[in-house]
Amino acid sequence: MTKNIIFILLISFFMCTSVKAEDGHFGIGTDKFAHFGVSYAGQTVLYGIANKNMNLDKFDSLIISSLGMFAAGVLWETFSSDKMDKKDILANTLGQAAAVTTKIGRAHV
């Protein structure tokens, strides 16, 4: 499980480093890490709500929370600015994948 988390974090780091800074040099986009973190936290919260409050099993909770968080991320990107940033969506998806990986890892322990 730890290897999976490290792998997802490394992939997200390399995907997020392609953001250009204001001076034209490549740098790490803090916005992308914010998208990653919020998606991770949102996925975890939605999973907890679906699993505990709605009494769904773990697989159904993962599906519901994944679809809900993905839809929230796409809607936010659609309505928050004049253009959709695909790298923000990617960072959101990677955050969700990290959350799902930790949930699956805990389910087998």
C-alpha atoms as a PDB file:
ATOM      1  CA  MET A   1       0.000   0.000   0.000  1.00  0.00           C
ATOM      2  CA  THR A   2       2.780   2.431   0.857  1.00  0.00           C
ATOM      3  CA  LYS A   3       4.393   1.817  -2.534  1.00  0.00           C
ATOM      4  CA  ASN A   4       1.110   2.691  -4.253  1.00  0.00           C
ATOM      5  CA  ILE A   5       0.781   5.953  -2.337  1.00  0.00           C
ATOM      6  CA  ILE A   6       4.365   6.939  -3.076  1.00  0.00           C
ATOM      7  CA  PHE A   7       3.868   6.076  -6.747  1.00  0.00           C
ATOM      8  CA  ILE A   8       0.708   8.207  -6.985  1.00  0.00           C
ATOM      9  CA  LEU A   9       2.401  11.126  -5.242  1.00  0.00           C
ATOM     10  CA  LEU A  10       5.407  10.924  -7.563  1.00  0.00           C
ATOM     11  CA  ILE A  11       3.207  10.784 -10.662  1.00  0.00           C
ATOM     12  CA  SER A  12       1.209  13.768  -9.439  1.00  0.00           C
ATOM     13  CA  PHE A  13       4.430  15.671  -8.732  1.00  0.00           C
ATOM     14  CA  PHE A  14       5.763  15.100 -12.246  1.00  0.00           C
ATOM     15  CA  MET A  15       2.409  15.927 -13.854  1.00  0.00           C
ATOM     16  CA  CYS A  16       2.146  19.154 -11.881  1.00  0.00           C
ATOM     17  CA  THR A  17       5.681  20.372 -12.592  1.00  0.00           C
ATOM     18  CA  SER A  18       4.851  21.209 -16.185  1.00  0.00           C
ATOM     19  CA  VAL A  19       3.160  24.437 -15.104  1.00  0.00           C
ATOM     20  CA  LYS A  20       5.084  27.512 -16.251  1.00  0.00           C
ATOM     21  CA  ALA A  21       5.818  30.214 -13.740  1.00  0.00           C
ATOM     22  CA  GLU A  22       5.326  33.892 -14.556  1.00  0.00           C
ATOM     23  CA  ASP A  23       8.946  34.323 -15.621  1.00  0.00           C
ATOM     24  CA  GLY A  24       8.637  31.505 -18.188  1.00  0.00           C
ATOM     25  CA  HIS A  25      10.605  28.912 -16.231  1.00  0.00           C
ATOM     26  CA  PHE A  26       9.076  25.640 -15.290  1.00  0.00           C
ATOM     27  CA  GLY A  27       8.004  25.378 -11.688  1.00  0.00           C
ATOM     28  CA  ILE A  28       5.679  23.518  -9.390  1.00  0.00           C
ATOM     29  CA  GLY A  29       2.124  24.788  -9.536  1.00  0.00           C
ATOM     30  CA  THR A  30       0.871  25.173  -5.997  1.00  0.00           C
ATOM     31  CA  ASP A  31      -2.638  25.343  -7.424  1.00  0.00           C
ATOM     32  CA  LYS A  32      -2.265  21.770  -8.660  1.00  0.00           C
ATOM     33  CA  PHE A  33      -1.222  20.551  -5.228  1.00  0.00           C
ATOM     34  CA  ALA A  34      -4.241  22.332  -3.773  1.00  0.00           C
ATOM     35  CA  HIS A  35      -6.495  20.513  -6.258  1.00  0.00           C
ATOM     36  CA  PHE A  36      -4.808  17.230  -5.319  1.00  0.00           C
ATOM     37  CA  GLY A  37      -5.271  17.830  -1.579  1.00  0.00           C
ATOM     38  CA  VAL A  38      -8.856  19.023  -1.770  1.00  0.00           C
ATOM     39  CA  SER A  39      -9.824  16.082  -3.977  1.00  0.00           C
ATOM     40  CA  TYR A  40      -8.123  13.661  -1.584  1.00  0.00           C
ATOM     41  CA  ALA A  41      -9.940  15.162   1.399  1.00  0.00           C
ATOM     42  CA  GLY A  42     -13.277  15.433  -0.430  1.00  0.00           C
ATOM     43  CA  GLN A  43     -13.075  11.838  -1.631  1.00  0.00           C
ATOM     44  CA  THR A  44     -12.328  10.671   1.901  1.00  0.00           C
ATOM     45  CA  VAL A  45     -15.218  12.657   3.408  1.00  0.00           C
ATOM     46  CA  LEU A  46     -17.704  11.513   0.768  1.00  0.00           C
ATOM     47  CA  TYR A  47     -16.564   7.928   1.249  1.00  0.00           C
ATOM     48  CA  GLY A  48     -17.146   8.205   4.995  1.00  0.00           C
ATOM     49  CA  ILE A  49     -20.600   9.683   4.485  1.00  0.00           C
ATOM     50  CA  ALA A  50     -21.595   7.002   1.980  1.00  0.00           C
ATOM     51  CA  ASN A  51     -20.160   4.158   4.035  1.00  0.00           C
ATOM     52  CA  LYS A  52     -21.287   5.155   7.536  1.00  0.00           C
ATOM     53  CA  ASN A  53     -24.352   7.370   7.126  1.00  0.00           C
ATOM     54  CA  MET A  54     -25.876   5.756   4.031  1.00  0.00           C
ATOM     55  CA  ASN A  55     -24.908   2.212   5.138  1.00  0.00           C
ATOM     56  CA  LEU A  56     -23.427   1.279   1.759  1.00  0.00           C
ATOM     57  CA  ASP A  57     -20.757  -1.378   1.410  1.00  0.00           C
ATOM     58  CA  LYS A  58     -17.167  -0.332   0.715  1.00  0.00           C
ATOM     59  CA  PHE A  59     -17.232  -0.829  -3.055  1.00  0.00           C
ATOM     60  CA  ASP A  60     -20.457   1.126  -3.521  1.00  0.00           C
ATOM     61  CA  SER A  61     -19.118   3.862  -1.239  1.00  0.00           C
ATOM     62  CA  LEU A  62     -15.990   4.149  -3.395  1.00  0.00           C
ATOM     63  CA  ILE A  63     -18.065   4.410  -6.576  1.00  0.00           C
ATOM     64  CA  ILE A  64     -20.471   7.005  -5.148  1.00  0.00           C
ATOM     65  CA  SER A  65     -17.693   9.133  -3.644  1.00  0.00           C
ATOM     66  CA  SER A  66     -15.559   8.921  -6.804  1.00  0.00           C
ATOM     67  CA  LEU A  67     -18.372   9.976  -9.117  1.00  0.00           C
ATOM     68  CA  GLY A  68     -19.510  12.718  -6.752  1.00  0.00           C
ATOM     69  CA  MET A  69     -16.051  14.205  -6.309  1.00  0.00           C
ATOM     70  CA  PHE A  70     -15.233  13.980 -10.017  1.00  0.00           C
ATOM     71  CA  ALA A  71     -18.490  15.745 -10.896  1.00  0.00           C
ATOM     72  CA  ALA A  72     -17.809  18.432  -8.294  1.00  0.00           C
ATOM     73  CA  GLY A  73     -14.319  19.030  -9.716  1.00  0.00           C
ATOM     74  CA  VAL A  74     -15.522  19.285 -13.300  1.00  0.00           C
ATOM     75  CA  LEU A  75     -18.401  21.588 -12.352  1.00  0.00           C
ATOM     76  CA  TRP A  76     -16.053  23.808 -10.352  1.00  0.00           C
ATOM     77  CA  GLU A  77     -13.635  24.075 -13.278  1.00  0.00           C
ATOM     78  CA  THR A  78     -16.480  24.757 -15.699  1.00  0.00           C
ATOM     79  CA  PHE A  79     -18.080  27.589 -13.746  1.00  0.00           C
ATOM     80  CA  SER A  80     -15.133  29.127 -11.867  1.00  0.00           C
ATOM     81  CA  SER A  81     -13.237  30.487 -14.853  1.00  0.00           C
ATOM     82  CA  ASP A  82     -13.604  31.226 -18.533  1.00  0.00           C
ATOM     83  CA  LYS A  83     -11.634  28.141 -19.601  1.00  0.00           C
ATOM     84  CA  MET A  84     -11.267  24.660 -18.189  1.00  0.00           C
ATOM     85  CA  ASP A  85      -7.751  23.699 -17.111  1.00  0.00           C
ATOM     86  CA  LYS A  86      -7.171  20.042 -17.937  1.00  0.00           C
ATOM     87  CA  LYS A  87      -4.239  19.883 -15.543  1.00  0.00           C
ATOM     88  CA  ASP A  88      -6.520  20.891 -12.672  1.00  0.00           C
ATOM     89  CA  ILE A  89      -8.829  18.017 -13.608  1.00  0.00           C
ATOM     90  CA  LEU A  90      -5.795  15.712 -13.724  1.00  0.00           C
ATOM     91  CA  ALA A  91      -4.657  16.855 -10.281  1.00  0.00           C
ATOM     92  CA  ASN A  92      -8.206  16.280  -8.973  1.00  0.00           C
ATOM     93  CA  THR A  93      -8.247  12.780 -10.448  1.00  0.00           C
ATOM     94  CA  LEU A  94      -4.847  11.935  -8.972  1.00  0.00           C
ATOM     95  CA  GLY A  95      -6.028  13.115  -5.556  1.00  0.00           C
ATOM     96  CA  GLN A  96      -9.049  10.879  -5.847  1.00  0.00           C
ATOM     97  CA  ALA A  97      -6.884   7.949  -6.949  1.00  0.00           C
ATOM     98  CA  ALA A  98      -4.655   8.428  -3.907  1.00  0.00           C
ATOM     99  CA  ALA A  99      -7.708   8.444  -1.628  1.00  0.00           C
ATOM    100  CA  VAL A 100      -9.137   5.317  -3.254  1.00  0.00           C
ATOM    101  CA  THR A 101      -5.763   3.582  -2.937  1.00  0.00           C
ATOM    102  CA  THR A 102      -5.626   4.299   0.782  1.00  0.00           C
ATOM    103  CA  LYS A 103      -9.220   3.107   1.235  1.00  0.00           C
ATOM    104  CA  ILE A 104      -8.571  -0.139  -0.639  1.00  0.00           C
ATOM    105  CA  GLY A 105      -5.369  -0.660   1.309  1.00  0.00           C
ATOM    106  CA  ARG A 106      -7.159  -0.212   4.631  1.00  0.00           C
ATOM    107  CA  ALA A 107      -9.983  -2.504   3.564  1.00  0.00           C
ATOM    108  CA  HIS A 108      -7.565  -5.436   3.149  1.00  0.00           C
ATOM    109  CA  VAL A 109      -5.742  -4.935   6.452  1.00  0.00           C
END
